[in-house]
Amino acid sequence: MNTNYVTTNVRLPKEMLRALKLEAVREDKSVAQLVREAIEQTFGQKERQPSVKQF
């Protein structure tokens, strides 16, 4: 396992977890991988530049 990873807990509604597990099987990926991909889509890549407000 990559040493750059940390473990965390997330509380999800039962139906959301069920849907996530089904999608993981469909895509032949782990639940953790789907969660990482969703976070990257939402927040961007690892080295995202901070946004600068324009006046």
C-alpha atoms as a PDB file:
ATOM      1  CA  MET A   1       0.000   0.000   0.000  1.00  0.00           C
ATOM      2  CA  ASN A   2       1.174   3.498  -0.809  1.00  0.00           C
ATOM      3  CA  THR A   3       2.459   5.302   2.283  1.00  0.00           C
ATOM      4  CA  ASN A   4       0.940   8.591   1.073  1.00  0.00           C
ATOM      5  CA  TYR A   5      -2.544   7.361   1.931  1.00  0.00           C
ATOM      6  CA  VAL A   6      -4.351   7.870   5.218  1.00  0.00           C
ATOM      7  CA  THR A   7      -7.429   6.088   6.502  1.00  0.00           C
ATOM      8  CA  THR A   8     -10.567   8.024   7.338  1.00  0.00           C
ATOM      9  CA  ASN A   9     -14.161   7.257   8.240  1.00  0.00           C
ATOM     10  CA  VAL A  10     -17.191   8.700   6.499  1.00  0.00           C
ATOM     11  CA  ARG A  11     -20.810   8.320   7.585  1.00  0.00           C
ATOM     12  CA  LEU A  12     -23.128   7.598   4.673  1.00  0.00           C
ATOM     13  CA  PRO A  13     -26.806   6.764   4.478  1.00  0.00           C
ATOM     14  CA  LYS A  14     -27.298   3.019   3.974  1.00  0.00           C
ATOM     15  CA  GLU A  15     -28.752   3.464   0.496  1.00  0.00           C
ATOM     16  CA  MET A  16     -25.854   5.659  -0.598  1.00  0.00           C
ATOM     17  CA  LEU A  17     -23.344   3.049   0.533  1.00  0.00           C
ATOM     18  CA  ARG A  18     -25.343   0.334  -1.212  1.00  0.00           C
ATOM     19  CA  ALA A  19     -25.343   2.327  -4.460  1.00  0.00           C
ATOM     20  CA  LEU A  20     -21.626   3.016  -4.099  1.00  0.00           C
ATOM     21  CA  LYS A  21     -20.852  -0.679  -3.628  1.00  0.00           C
ATOM     22  CA  LEU A  22     -22.970  -1.634  -6.642  1.00  0.00           C
ATOM     23  CA  GLU A  23     -21.201   0.943  -8.791  1.00  0.00           C
ATOM     24  CA  ALA A  24     -17.821  -0.311  -7.601  1.00  0.00           C
ATOM     25  CA  VAL A  25     -18.735  -3.826  -8.746  1.00  0.00           C
ATOM     26  CA  ARG A  26     -20.027  -2.516 -12.094  1.00  0.00           C
ATOM     27  CA  GLU A  27     -16.820  -0.570 -12.718  1.00  0.00           C
ATOM     28  CA  ASP A  28     -14.545  -3.277 -11.269  1.00  0.00           C
ATOM     29  CA  LYS A  29     -13.076  -0.754  -8.825  1.00  0.00           C
ATOM     30  CA  SER A  30     -12.886  -0.513  -5.070  1.00  0.00           C
ATOM     31  CA  VAL A  31     -15.229   1.713  -3.101  1.00  0.00           C
ATOM     32  CA  ALA A  32     -12.158   3.661  -1.973  1.00  0.00           C
ATOM     33  CA  GLN A  33     -11.134   4.278  -5.592  1.00  0.00           C
ATOM     34  CA  LEU A  34     -14.595   5.586  -6.484  1.00  0.00           C
ATOM     35  CA  VAL A  35     -14.523   7.914  -3.482  1.00  0.00           C
ATOM     36  CA  ARG A  36     -11.058   9.227  -4.434  1.00  0.00           C
ATOM     37  CA  GLU A  37     -12.210   9.815  -8.019  1.00  0.00           C
ATOM     38  CA  ALA A  38     -15.320  11.685  -6.852  1.00  0.00           C
ATOM     39  CA  ILE A  39     -13.234  13.886  -4.559  1.00  0.00           C
ATOM     40  CA  GLU A  40     -10.759  14.635  -7.355  1.00  0.00           C
ATOM     41  CA  GLN A  41     -13.631  15.585  -9.688  1.00  0.00           C
ATOM     42  CA  THR A  42     -15.094  17.882  -7.050  1.00  0.00           C
ATOM     43  CA  PHE A  43     -11.921  19.533  -5.793  1.00  0.00           C
ATOM     44  CA  GLY A  44      -9.534  19.074  -8.709  1.00  0.00           C
ATOM     45  CA  GLN A  45      -6.156  17.449  -8.923  1.00  0.00           C
ATOM     46  CA  LYS A  46      -3.768  17.065  -6.005  1.00  0.00           C
ATOM     47  CA  GLU A  47      -1.695  20.153  -6.820  1.00  0.00           C
ATOM     48  CA  ARG A  48      -4.593  22.512  -7.480  1.00  0.00           C
ATOM     49  CA  GLN A  49      -3.659  26.175  -7.431  1.00  0.00           C
ATOM     50  CA  PRO A  50      -5.554  28.351  -4.930  1.00  0.00           C
ATOM     51  CA  SER A  51      -8.132  30.593  -6.554  1.00  0.00           C
ATOM     52  CA  VAL A  52      -7.391  34.299  -6.643  1.00  0.00           C
ATOM     53  CA  LYS A  53     -10.248  36.763  -6.321  1.00  0.00           C
ATOM     54  CA  GLN A  54     -10.267  39.490  -8.939  1.00  0.00           C
ATOM     55  CA  PHE A  55     -11.438  42.974  -8.060  1.00  0.00           C
END
